[in-house]
Amino acid sequence: MHKVAIGDREMEYLHFGKDGAETVVVLPGISLKSVMSSEHGIVAAYSFLAKNYDIFLFDHIRQEPEGYTIEGMAEDTLIAFDILGCNRVHVIGISMGGMVAQAIALKEPEKVASLILCSTAMSSNYGSSTVLARWKDLAKQKDVAGLMESFGEYVYSPSFFERFRNIILASGGGATDLDFQNFLISLEAVEGFNCEGEIHRISCPALVVGADEDRIFGTQAMHDLIEALRCEYFIYTGYGHAVYDEAPDFLEHVDAFLRKNRQDQHCQVVS
């Protein structure tokens, strides 16, 4: 685990994989606590890709400012790209990270070789707004047990949640005031994001991955994203929002897409 200075703030990141290979950047979704606490699990989960790619996983900045937006997150991540020499990368964006990935591709398309967007959308919708409002209320009360219960119910499939219930519920333990503050700001950022009027301007290889039982954004949001990008897609059946954690062959689909698009033309924004 490493840190990079973004102005007067810090962003943590993981760096592992094959030195000198093409770079894959992973942008995670919302979590109450930093994903960096799961460093060893993340490295193990991405070992399949790490054999052939140089992988960076960027956390959010440690202290998110009030009014922080998805666009702001994209700008800070691009600063980290510049500092660390991440040029022309393949970006895997998961949930909120998928929104940040879209913003990055629109802001600096020359730095994006391809996009893999999983369990995400071009904007929040009625379904996601309802869930986010519930999480916001629980986070304001600092009800860790209630929040993690709700998080597990909406993010994971019922069978997965029941199987790993204790681990999922325990993952919120030790959350600090700053964790709750960042979580609430991130929820607001997701609620305020909308690139529907611009997304069609992105022209680069893209893959959308989702699941037919996604209880956060729903399937229509994925189909709208696929139509706007006119891209490849894979929609799982029987999985929920966290298909990226649950489906055993998720990274196999990602790898197949990356192999097809290695050394392809960089992402372009068309007028």
Foldseek 3Di string as FASTA:
>chain_A
DDWDDQDPWIKDKDKAADPPAAEEEEEEDFDLDWCVVVVVVVCVLCVVVRPHHTYMYITFIQFADAPQALLNSLVSVVVVCVVVVQAQHEYEAAASRLCNVLSNCVPCQRRHQEYEYELYFQAFDPQQVVLLVVLLVCLVVVVLQVNLVSCLPQQWFPVVCVVCVVVSSCVSPPRDPSSSVVSNRSSVNRNPGHCLVFSLQKAHAYEYEYECAARNRHDVRSVSNCVSHVYHYDYHYPIYSVCVPVPPCPVVVVVVSCVVRVPHRTMGGHD
